[in-house]
PDB file of all heavy atoms in Angstrom:
ATOM      1  N   SER A   1     -59.523  82.449 238.690  1.00  0.00           N
ATOM      2  CA  SER A   1     -58.802  82.606 239.943  1.00  0.00           C
ATOM      3  C   SER A   1     -59.759  83.080 241.033  1.00  0.00           C
ATOM      4  O   SER A   1     -60.649  83.893 240.780  1.00  0.00           O
ATOM      5  CB  SER A   1     -57.650  83.607 239.792  1.00  0.00           C
ATOM      6  OG  SER A   1     -56.729  83.162 238.826  1.00  0.00           O
ATOM      7  N   ILE A   2     -59.563  82.566 242.245  1.00  0.00           N
ATOM      8  CA  ILE A   2     -60.391  82.927 243.388  1.00  0.00           C
ATOM      9  C   ILE A   2     -59.504  83.548 244.448  1.00  0.00           C
ATOM     10  O   ILE A   2     -58.441  83.010 244.761  1.00  0.00           O
ATOM     11  CB  ILE A   2     -61.121  81.700 243.953  1.00  0.00           C
ATOM     12  CG1 ILE A   2     -62.071  81.131 242.887  1.00  0.00           C
ATOM     13  CG2 ILE A   2     -61.892  82.038 245.220  1.00  0.00           C
ATOM     14  CD1 ILE A   2     -62.724  79.834 243.294  1.00  0.00           C
ATOM     15  N   TYR A   3     -59.926  84.676 244.988  1.00  0.00           N
ATOM     16  CA  TYR A   3     -59.124  85.404 245.966  1.00  0.00           C
ATOM     17  C   TYR A   3     -59.949  85.686 247.220  1.00  0.00           C
ATOM     18  O   TYR A   3     -61.140  85.971 247.146  1.00  0.00           O
ATOM     19  CB  TYR A   3     -58.631  86.736 245.389  1.00  0.00           C
ATOM     20  CG  TYR A   3     -57.673  86.582 244.234  1.00  0.00           C
ATOM     21  CD1 TYR A   3     -58.145  86.347 242.949  1.00  0.00           C
ATOM     22  CD2 TYR A   3     -56.296  86.669 244.435  1.00  0.00           C
ATOM     23  CE1 TYR A   3     -57.266  86.194 241.883  1.00  0.00           C
ATOM     24  CE2 TYR A   3     -55.415  86.517 243.378  1.00  0.00           C
ATOM     25  CZ  TYR A   3     -55.899  86.285 242.106  1.00  0.00           C
ATOM     26  OH  TYR A   3     -55.026  86.128 241.062  1.00  0.00           O
ATOM     27  N   VAL A   4     -59.301  85.581 248.367  1.00  0.00           N
ATOM     28  CA  VAL A   4     -59.875  86.008 249.638  1.00  0.00           C
ATOM     29  C   VAL A   4     -58.936  87.043 250.231  1.00  0.00           C
ATOM     30  O   VAL A   4     -57.765  86.756 250.472  1.00  0.00           O
ATOM     31  CB  VAL A   4     -60.046  84.822 250.613  1.00  0.00           C
ATOM     32  CG1 VAL A   4     -60.488  85.327 251.981  1.00  0.00           C
ATOM     33  CG2 VAL A   4     -61.070  83.829 250.065  1.00  0.00           C
ATOM     34  N   ASN A   5     -59.436  88.255 250.415  1.00  0.00           N
ATOM     35  CA  ASN A   5     -58.602  89.360 250.912  1.00  0.00           C
ATOM     36  C   ASN A   5     -57.346  89.554 250.071  1.00  0.00           C
ATOM     37  O   ASN A   5     -56.257  89.800 250.578  1.00  0.00           O
ATOM     38  CB  ASN A   5     -58.212  89.119 252.377  1.00  0.00           C
ATOM     39  CG  ASN A   5     -59.397  89.167 253.305  1.00  0.00           C
ATOM     40  OD1 ASN A   5     -60.354  89.886 253.035  1.00  0.00           O
ATOM     41  ND2 ASN A   5     -59.364  88.407 254.374  1.00  0.00           N
ATOM     42  N   GLY A   6     -57.485  89.416 248.757  1.00  0.00           N
ATOM     43  CA  GLY A   6     -56.370  89.655 247.857  1.00  0.00           C
ATOM     44  C   GLY A   6     -55.412  88.495 247.713  1.00  0.00           C
ATOM     45  O   GLY A   6     -54.439  88.589 246.970  1.00  0.00           O
ATOM     46  N   ARG A   7     -55.686  87.373 248.378  1.00  0.00           N
ATOM     47  CA  ARG A   7     -54.788  86.229 248.328  1.00  0.00           C
ATOM     48  C   ARG A   7     -55.455  85.077 247.587  1.00  0.00           C
ATOM     49  O   ARG A   7     -56.614  84.774 247.832  1.00  0.00           O
ATOM     50  CB  ARG A   7     -54.428  85.775 249.741  1.00  0.00           C
ATOM     51  CG  ARG A   7     -53.387  84.666 249.778  1.00  0.00           C
ATOM     52  CD  ARG A   7     -53.118  84.243 251.209  1.00  0.00           C
ATOM     53  NE  ARG A   7     -52.037  83.301 251.290  1.00  0.00           N
ATOM     54  CZ  ARG A   7     -51.647  82.696 252.402  1.00  0.00           C
ATOM     55  NH1 ARG A   7     -52.275  82.975 253.531  1.00  0.00           N
ATOM     56  NH2 ARG A   7     -50.658  81.843 252.401  1.00  0.00           N
ATOM     57  N   PRO A   8     -54.729  84.392 246.656  1.00  0.00           N
ATOM     58  CA  PRO A   8     -55.347  83.286 245.924  1.00  0.00           C
ATOM     59  C   PRO A   8     -55.700  82.131 246.843  1.00  0.00           C
ATOM     60  O   PRO A   8     -54.973  81.796 247.768  1.00  0.00           O
ATOM     61  CB  PRO A   8     -54.259  82.889 244.909  1.00  0.00           C
ATOM     62  CG  PRO A   8     -52.984  83.393 245.487  1.00  0.00           C
ATOM     63  CD  PRO A   8     -53.339  84.641 246.230  1.00  0.00           C
ATOM     64  N   VAL A   9     -56.857  81.519 246.583  1.00  0.00           N
ATOM     65  CA  VAL A   9     -57.317  80.355 247.321  1.00  0.00           C
ATOM     66  C   VAL A   9     -57.381  79.187 246.343  1.00  0.00           C
ATOM     67  O   VAL A   9     -57.909  79.320 245.245  1.00  0.00           O
ATOM     68  CB  VAL A   9     -58.710  80.606 247.937  1.00  0.00           C
ATOM     69  CG1 VAL A   9     -59.248  79.349 248.598  1.00  0.00           C
ATOM     70  CG2 VAL A   9     -58.649  81.743 248.936  1.00  0.00           C
ATOM     71  N   TYR A  10     -56.845  78.055 246.736  1.00  0.00           N
ATOM     72  CA  TYR A  10     -56.760  76.906 245.848  1.00  0.00           C
ATOM     73  C   TYR A  10     -57.861  75.916 246.207  1.00  0.00           C
ATOM     74  O   TYR A  10     -57.737  75.113 247.113  1.00  0.00           O
ATOM     75  CB  TYR A  10     -55.382  76.257 245.977  1.00  0.00           C
ATOM     76  CG  TYR A  10     -54.281  77.267 245.823  1.00  0.00           C
ATOM     77  CD1 TYR A  10     -53.670  77.815 246.937  1.00  0.00           C
ATOM     78  CD2 TYR A  10     -53.908  77.718 244.570  1.00  0.00           C
ATOM     79  CE1 TYR A  10     -52.682  78.774 246.799  1.00  0.00           C
ATOM     80  CE2 TYR A  10     -52.927  78.673 244.425  1.00  0.00           C
ATOM     81  CZ  TYR A  10     -52.314  79.206 245.544  1.00  0.00           C
ATOM     82  OH  TYR A  10     -51.342  80.160 245.405  1.00  0.00           O
ATOM     83  N   CYS A  11     -58.973  76.010 245.494  1.00  0.00           N
ATOM     84  CA  CYS A  11     -60.070  75.096 245.728  1.00  0.00           C
ATOM     85  C   CYS A  11     -60.788  74.847 244.413  1.00  0.00           C
ATOM     86  O   CYS A  11     -60.683  75.627 243.468  1.00  0.00           O
ATOM     87  CB  CYS A  11     -61.040  75.640 246.782  1.00  0.00           C
ATOM     88  SG  CYS A  11     -61.711  77.269 246.428  1.00  0.00           S
ATOM     89  N   THR A  12     -61.505  73.750 244.357  1.00  0.00           N
ATOM     90  CA  THR A  12     -62.212  73.380 243.140  1.00  0.00           C
ATOM     91  C   THR A  12     -63.416  74.289 242.923  1.00  0.00           C
ATOM     92  O   THR A  12     -64.201  74.508 243.843  1.00  0.00           O
ATOM     93  CB  THR A  12     -62.691  71.925 243.233  1.00  0.00           C
ATOM     94  OG1 THR A  12     -61.564  71.083 243.486  1.00  0.00           O
ATOM     95  CG2 THR A  12     -63.360  71.492 241.943  1.00  0.00           C
ATOM     96  N   ALA A  13     -63.548  74.811 241.716  1.00  0.00           N
ATOM     97  CA  ALA A  13     -64.668  75.693 241.386  1.00  0.00           C
ATOM     98  C   ALA A  13     -65.426  75.124 240.191  1.00  0.00           C
ATOM     99  O   ALA A  13     -64.865  74.396 239.364  1.00  0.00           O
ATOM    100  CB  ALA A  13     -64.166  77.099 241.074  1.00  0.00           C
ATOM    101  N   TYR A  14     -66.711  75.459 240.117  1.00  0.00           N
ATOM    102  CA  TYR A  14     -67.553  75.003 239.032  1.00  0.00           C
ATOM    103  C   TYR A  14     -68.234  76.196 238.370  1.00  0.00           C
ATOM    104  O   TYR A  14     -68.625  77.141 239.048  1.00  0.00           O
ATOM    105  CB  TYR A  14     -68.641  74.060 239.543  1.00  0.00           C
ATOM    106  CG  TYR A  14     -68.135  72.839 240.258  1.00  0.00           C
ATOM    107  CD1 TYR A  14     -67.966  72.853 241.636  1.00  0.00           C
ATOM    108  CD2 TYR A  14     -67.828  71.678 239.555  1.00  0.00           C
ATOM    109  CE1 TYR A  14     -67.500  71.726 242.306  1.00  0.00           C
ATOM    110  CE2 TYR A  14     -67.359  70.558 240.213  1.00  0.00           C
ATOM    111  CZ  TYR A  14     -67.198  70.583 241.585  1.00  0.00           C
ATOM    112  OH  TYR A  14     -66.739  69.485 242.235  1.00  0.00           O
ATOM    113  N   ALA A  15     -68.383  76.126 237.061  1.00  0.00           N
ATOM    114  CA  ALA A  15     -69.189  77.092 236.322  1.00  0.00           C
ATOM    115  C   ALA A  15     -70.526  76.434 236.020  1.00  0.00           C
ATOM    116  O   ALA A  15     -70.576  75.390 235.352  1.00  0.00           O
ATOM    117  CB  ALA A  15     -68.491  77.505 235.034  1.00  0.00           C
ATOM    118  N   ILE A  16     -71.602  77.021 236.532  1.00  0.00           N
ATOM    119  CA  ILE A  16     -72.943  76.479 236.342  1.00  0.00           C
ATOM    120  C   ILE A  16     -73.853  77.599 235.874  1.00  0.00           C
ATOM    121  O   ILE A  16     -74.104  78.551 236.606  1.00  0.00           O
ATOM    122  CB  ILE A  16     -73.502  75.871 237.647  1.00  0.00           C
ATOM    123  CG1 ILE A  16     -72.543  74.812 238.220  1.00  0.00           C
ATOM    124  CG2 ILE A  16     -74.881  75.270 237.410  1.00  0.00           C
ATOM    125  CD1 ILE A  16     -72.984  74.264 239.560  1.00  0.00           C
ATOM    126  N   SER A  17     -74.311  77.488 234.658  1.00  0.00           N
ATOM    127  CA  SER A  17     -75.266  78.455 234.102  1.00  0.00           C
ATOM    128  C   SER A  17     -74.797  79.896 234.279  1.00  0.00           C
ATOM    129  O   SER A  17     -75.552  80.770 234.676  1.00  0.00           O
ATOM    130  CB  SER A  17     -76.633  78.260 234.768  1.00  0.00           C
ATOM    131  OG  SER A  17     -77.628  79.045 234.112  1.00  0.00           O
ATOM    132  N   GLY A  18     -73.508  80.140 234.003  1.00  0.00           N
ATOM    133  CA  GLY A  18     -72.976  81.495 234.070  1.00  0.00           C
ATOM    134  C   GLY A  18     -72.547  81.949 235.441  1.00  0.00           C
ATOM    135  O   GLY A  18     -72.127  83.095 235.606  1.00  0.00           O
ATOM    136  N   ASN A  19     -72.665  81.099 236.448  1.00  0.00           N
ATOM    137  CA  ASN A  19     -72.260  81.441 237.808  1.00  0.00           C
ATOM    138  C   ASN A  19     -71.084  80.577 238.241  1.00  0.00           C
ATOM    139  O   ASN A  19     -70.876  79.480 237.720  1.00  0.00           O
ATOM    140  CB  ASN A  19     -73.412  81.232 238.794  1.00  0.00           C
ATOM    141  CG  ASN A  19     -74.611  82.094 238.470  1.00  0.00           C
ATOM    142  OD1 ASN A  19     -74.460  83.223 238.046  1.00  0.00           O
ATOM    143  ND2 ASN A  19     -75.801  81.548 238.650  1.00  0.00           N
ATOM    144  N   ASN A  20     -70.313  81.069 239.212  1.00  0.00           N
ATOM    145  CA  ASN A  20     -69.214  80.307 239.781  1.00  0.00           C
ATOM    146  C   ASN A  20     -69.630  79.743 241.137  1.00  0.00           C
ATOM    147  O   ASN A  20     -70.219  80.445 241.952  1.00  0.00           O
ATOM    148  CB  ASN A  20     -67.977  81.198 239.965  1.00  0.00           C
ATOM    149  CG  ASN A  20     -67.287  81.472 238.651  1.00  0.00           C
ATOM    150  OD1 ASN A  20     -67.082  80.558 237.857  1.00  0.00           O
ATOM    151  ND2 ASN A  20     -66.934  82.717 238.414  1.00  0.00           N
ATOM    152  N   TYR A  21     -69.299  78.479 241.383  1.00  0.00           N
ATOM    153  CA  TYR A  21     -69.616  77.826 242.637  1.00  0.00           C
ATOM    154  C   TYR A  21     -68.358  77.200 243.234  1.00  0.00           C
ATOM    155  O   TYR A  21     -67.524  76.658 242.503  1.00  0.00           O
ATOM    156  CB  TYR A  21     -70.635  76.701 242.436  1.00  0.00           C
ATOM    157  CG  TYR A  21     -72.030  77.162 242.074  1.00  0.00           C
ATOM    158  CD1 TYR A  21     -72.346  77.550 240.781  1.00  0.00           C
ATOM    159  CD2 TYR A  21     -73.027  77.190 243.035  1.00  0.00           C
ATOM    160  CE1 TYR A  21     -73.621  77.969 240.451  1.00  0.00           C
ATOM    161  CE2 TYR A  21     -74.314  77.597 242.708  1.00  0.00           C
ATOM    162  CZ  TYR A  21     -74.609  77.994 241.415  1.00  0.00           C
ATOM    163  OH  TYR A  21     -75.862  78.403 241.099  1.00  0.00           O
ATOM    164  N   VAL A  22     -68.239  77.265 244.558  1.00  0.00           N
ATOM    165  CA  VAL A  22     -67.224  76.501 245.267  1.00  0.00           C
ATOM    166  C   VAL A  22     -67.875  75.891 246.497  1.00  0.00           C
ATOM    167  O   VAL A  22     -68.946  76.323 246.932  1.00  0.00           O
ATOM    168  CB  VAL A  22     -66.014  77.369 245.714  1.00  0.00           C
ATOM    169  CG1 VAL A  22     -65.297  77.952 244.522  1.00  0.00           C
ATOM    170  CG2 VAL A  22     -66.446  78.462 246.661  1.00  0.00           C
ATOM    171  N   ARG A  23     -67.246  74.869 247.073  1.00  0.00           N
ATOM    172  CA  ARG A  23     -67.797  74.242 248.255  1.00  0.00           C
ATOM    173  C   ARG A  23     -67.683  75.175 249.460  1.00  0.00           C
ATOM    174  O   ARG A  23     -66.651  75.799 249.673  1.00  0.00           O
ATOM    175  CB  ARG A  23     -67.080  72.932 248.549  1.00  0.00           C
ATOM    176  CG  ARG A  23     -67.406  71.846 247.539  1.00  0.00           C
ATOM    177  CD  ARG A  23     -66.771  70.528 247.969  1.00  0.00           C
ATOM    178  NE  ARG A  23     -67.103  69.481 247.026  1.00  0.00           N
ATOM    179  CZ  ARG A  23     -66.423  69.234 245.910  1.00  0.00           C
ATOM    180  NH1 ARG A  23     -65.376  69.970 245.614  1.00  0.00           N
ATOM    181  NH2 ARG A  23     -66.791  68.265 245.098  1.00  0.00           N
ATOM    182  N   LEU A  24     -68.743  75.204 250.246  1.00  0.00           N
ATOM    183  CA  LEU A  24     -68.760  76.046 251.436  1.00  0.00           C
ATOM    184  C   LEU A  24     -67.667  75.618 252.407  1.00  0.00           C
ATOM    185  O   LEU A  24     -67.051  76.452 253.067  1.00  0.00           O
ATOM    186  CB  LEU A  24     -70.125  75.962 252.107  1.00  0.00           C
ATOM    187  CG  LEU A  24     -70.358  76.841 253.333  1.00  0.00           C
ATOM    188  CD1 LEU A  24     -70.122  78.305 252.991  1.00  0.00           C
ATOM    189  CD2 LEU A  24     -71.776  76.649 253.857  1.00  0.00           C
ATOM    190  N   ARG A  25     -67.392  74.327 252.505  1.00  0.00           N
ATOM    191  CA  ARG A  25     -66.348  73.844 253.406  1.00  0.00           C
ATOM    192  C   ARG A  25     -64.980  74.398 253.006  1.00  0.00           C
ATOM    193  O   ARG A  25     -64.153  74.734 253.848  1.00  0.00           O
ATOM    194  CB  ARG A  25     -66.307  72.322 253.415  1.00  0.00           C
ATOM    195  CG  ARG A  25     -65.378  71.761 254.479  1.00  0.00           C
ATOM    196  CD  ARG A  25     -65.303  70.247 254.407  1.00  0.00           C
ATOM    197  NE  ARG A  25     -66.594  69.607 254.613  1.00  0.00           N
ATOM    198  CZ  ARG A  25     -67.137  69.398 255.797  1.00  0.00           C
ATOM    199  NH1 ARG A  25     -66.507  69.780 256.886  1.00  0.00           N
ATOM    200  NH2 ARG A  25     -68.307  68.799 255.903  1.00  0.00           N
ATOM    201  N   ASP A  26     -64.719  74.487 251.678  1.00  0.00           N
ATOM    202  CA  ASP A  26     -63.440  75.031 251.215  1.00  0.00           C
ATOM    203  C   ASP A  26     -63.286  76.489 251.619  1.00  0.00           C
ATOM    204  O   ASP A  26     -62.212  76.922 252.040  1.00  0.00           O
ATOM    205  CB  ASP A  26     -63.320  74.900 249.689  1.00  0.00           C
ATOM    206  CG  ASP A  26     -63.171  73.452 249.243  1.00  0.00           C
ATOM    207  OD1 ASP A  26     -62.880  72.611 250.109  1.00  0.00           O
ATOM    208  OD2 ASP A  26     -63.348  73.186 248.049  1.00  0.00           O
ATOM    209  N   ILE A  27     -64.366  77.267 251.465  1.00  0.00           N
ATOM    210  CA  ILE A  27     -64.304  78.673 251.848  1.00  0.00           C
ATOM    211  C   ILE A  27     -64.154  78.795 253.359  1.00  0.00           C
ATOM    212  O   ILE A  27     -63.416  79.647 253.867  1.00  0.00           O
ATOM    213  CB  ILE A  27     -65.568  79.422 251.376  1.00  0.00           C
ATOM    214  CG1 ILE A  27     -65.595  79.444 249.842  1.00  0.00           C
ATOM    215  CG2 ILE A  27     -65.586  80.849 251.914  1.00  0.00           C
ATOM    216  CD1 ILE A  27     -64.377  80.084 249.211  1.00  0.00           C
ATOM    217  N   GLY A  28     -64.835  77.938 254.105  1.00  0.00           N
ATOM    218  CA  GLY A  28     -64.693  77.963 255.558  1.00  0.00           C
ATOM    219  C   GLY A  28     -63.255  77.752 255.980  1.00  0.00           C
ATOM    220  O   GLY A  28     -62.743  78.436 256.872  1.00  0.00           O
ATOM    221  N   GLN A  29     -62.574  76.818 255.310  1.00  0.00           N
ATOM    222  CA  GLN A  29     -61.173  76.571 255.640  1.00  0.00           C
ATOM    223  C   GLN A  29     -60.306  77.772 255.300  1.00  0.00           C
ATOM    224  O   GLN A  29     -59.358  78.098 256.008  1.00  0.00           O
ATOM    225  CB  GLN A  29     -60.673  75.345 254.879  1.00  0.00           C
ATOM    226  CG  GLN A  29     -59.272  74.900 255.252  1.00  0.00           C
ATOM    227  CD  GLN A  29     -58.880  73.609 254.572  1.00  0.00           C
ATOM    228  OE1 GLN A  29     -59.211  73.388 253.421  1.00  0.00           O
ATOM    229  NE2 GLN A  29     -58.181  72.759 255.295  1.00  0.00           N
ATOM    230  N   ALA A  30     -60.645  78.471 254.219  1.00  0.00           N
ATOM    231  CA  ALA A  30     -59.840  79.612 253.780  1.00  0.00           C
ATOM    232  C   ALA A  30     -59.990  80.822 254.700  1.00  0.00           C
ATOM    233  O   ALA A  30     -59.033  81.566 254.908  1.00  0.00           O
ATOM    234  CB  ALA A  30     -60.218  79.997 252.345  1.00  0.00           C
ATOM    235  N   VAL A  31     -61.193  81.035 255.248  1.00  0.00           N
ATOM    236  CA  VAL A  31     -61.426  82.246 256.028  1.00  0.00           C
ATOM    237  C   VAL A  31     -61.634  81.967 257.514  1.00  0.00           C
ATOM    238  O   VAL A  31     -61.803  82.901 258.293  1.00  0.00           O
ATOM    239  CB  VAL A  31     -62.631  83.038 255.470  1.00  0.00           C
ATOM    240  CG1 VAL A  31     -62.415  83.420 254.036  1.00  0.00           C
ATOM    241  CG2 VAL A  31     -63.929  82.234 255.595  1.00  0.00           C
ATOM    242  N   GLY A  32     -61.618  80.686 257.908  1.00  0.00           N
ATOM    243  CA  GLY A  32     -61.604  80.385 259.331  1.00  0.00           C
ATOM    244  C   GLY A  32     -62.943  80.159 259.993  1.00  0.00           C
ATOM    245  O   GLY A  32     -63.197  80.679 261.078  1.00  0.00           O
ATOM    246  N   PHE A  33     -63.861  79.404 259.337  1.00  0.00           N
ATOM    247  CA  PHE A  33     -65.044  78.976 260.056  1.00  0.00           C
ATOM    248  C   PHE A  33     -65.291  77.498 259.761  1.00  0.00           C
ATOM    249  O   PHE A  33     -64.831  76.960 258.763  1.00  0.00           O
ATOM    250  CB  PHE A  33     -66.290  79.826 259.740  1.00  0.00           C
ATOM    251  CG  PHE A  33     -66.744  79.797 258.301  1.00  0.00           C
ATOM    252  CD1 PHE A  33     -67.469  78.734 257.794  1.00  0.00           C
ATOM    253  CD2 PHE A  33     -66.468  80.869 257.463  1.00  0.00           C
ATOM    254  CE1 PHE A  33     -67.907  78.726 256.477  1.00  0.00           C
ATOM    255  CE2 PHE A  33     -66.892  80.868 256.149  1.00  0.00           C
ATOM    256  CZ  PHE A  33     -67.619  79.786 255.646  1.00  0.00           C
ATOM    257  N   GLY A  34     -65.980  76.834 260.675  1.00  0.00           N
ATOM    258  CA  GLY A  34     -66.197  75.407 260.543  1.00  0.00           C
ATOM    259  C   GLY A  34     -67.512  75.103 259.850  1.00  0.00           C
ATOM    260  O   GLY A  34     -68.503  75.808 260.007  1.00  0.00           O
ATOM    261  N   VAL A  35     -67.519  74.019 259.070  1.00  0.00           N
ATOM    262  CA  VAL A  35     -68.723  73.594 258.357  1.00  0.00           C
ATOM    263  C   VAL A  35     -68.936  72.103 258.615  1.00  0.00           C
ATOM    264  O   VAL A  35     -68.025  71.299 258.403  1.00  0.00           O
ATOM    265  CB  VAL A  35     -68.606  73.843 256.843  1.00  0.00           C
ATOM    266  CG1 VAL A  35     -69.868  73.355 256.137  1.00  0.00           C
ATOM    267  CG2 VAL A  35     -68.374  75.318 256.552  1.00  0.00           C
ATOM    268  N   GLU A  36     -70.120  71.742 259.102  1.00  0.00           N
ATOM    269  CA  GLU A  36     -70.453  70.349 259.351  1.00  0.00           C
ATOM    270  C   GLU A  36     -71.825  70.037 258.772  1.00  0.00           C
ATOM    271  O   GLU A  36     -72.719  70.889 258.754  1.00  0.00           O
ATOM    272  CB  GLU A  36     -70.460  70.036 260.849  1.00  0.00           C
ATOM    273  CG  GLU A  36     -69.118  70.211 261.541  1.00  0.00           C
ATOM    274  CD  GLU A  36     -69.183  69.815 263.002  1.00  0.00           C
ATOM    275  OE1 GLU A  36     -69.860  68.798 263.303  1.00  0.00           O
ATOM    276  OE2 GLU A  36     -68.586  70.518 263.822  1.00  0.00           O
ATOM    277  N   TYR A  37     -71.985  68.791 258.284  1.00  0.00           N
ATOM    278  CA  TYR A  37     -73.283  68.340 257.802  1.00  0.00           C
ATOM    279  C   TYR A  37     -73.983  67.543 258.894  1.00  0.00           C
ATOM    280  O   TYR A  37     -73.419  66.595 259.440  1.00  0.00           O
ATOM    281  CB  TYR A  37     -73.116  67.476 256.554  1.00  0.00           C
ATOM    282  CG  TYR A  37     -74.424  66.882 256.074  1.00  0.00           C
ATOM    283  CD1 TYR A  37     -75.457  67.710 255.647  1.00  0.00           C
ATOM    284  CD2 TYR A  37     -74.612  65.507 256.060  1.00  0.00           C
ATOM    285  CE1 TYR A  37     -76.653  67.178 255.215  1.00  0.00           C
ATOM    286  CE2 TYR A  37     -75.805  64.961 255.630  1.00  0.00           C
ATOM    287  CZ  TYR A  37     -76.822  65.794 255.204  1.00  0.00           C
ATOM    288  OH  TYR A  37     -78.012  65.270 254.780  1.00  0.00           O
ATOM    289  N   ASP A  38     -75.193  67.933 259.225  1.00  0.00           N
ATOM    290  CA  ASP A  38     -75.989  67.266 260.256  1.00  0.00           C
ATOM    291  C   ASP A  38     -77.013  66.359 259.569  1.00  0.00           C
ATOM    292  O   ASP A  38     -77.995  66.837 258.980  1.00  0.00           O
ATOM    293  CB  ASP A  38     -76.699  68.313 261.121  1.00  0.00           C
ATOM    294  CG  ASP A  38     -77.419  67.708 262.319  1.00  0.00           C
ATOM    295  OD1 ASP A  38     -77.682  66.487 262.281  1.00  0.00           O
ATOM    296  OD2 ASP A  38     -77.710  68.443 263.269  1.00  0.00           O
ATOM    297  N   LYS A  39     -76.767  65.044 259.632  1.00  0.00           N
ATOM    298  CA  LYS A  39     -77.661  64.110 258.962  1.00  0.00           C
ATOM    299  C   LYS A  39     -79.067  64.139 259.569  1.00  0.00           C
ATOM    300  O   LYS A  39     -80.060  63.965 258.861  1.00  0.00           O
ATOM    301  CB  LYS A  39     -77.093  62.689 259.058  1.00  0.00           C
ATOM    302  CG  LYS A  39     -75.842  62.464 258.229  1.00  0.00           C
ATOM    303  CD  LYS A  39     -75.412  61.001 258.322  1.00  0.00           C
ATOM    304  CE  LYS A  39     -74.168  60.753 257.469  1.00  0.00           C
ATOM    305  NZ  LYS A  39     -73.724  59.331 257.548  1.00  0.00           N
TER     306      LYS A  39
END
């Protein structure tokens, strides 16, 4: 389970070599910042 300020966030997470990863864009949407890829 992933929480932001005590509230569950529904996003895809990965376990990689003992660590948890989520997409930065998903977290941005949850906490209110924008994420863009500059080619």
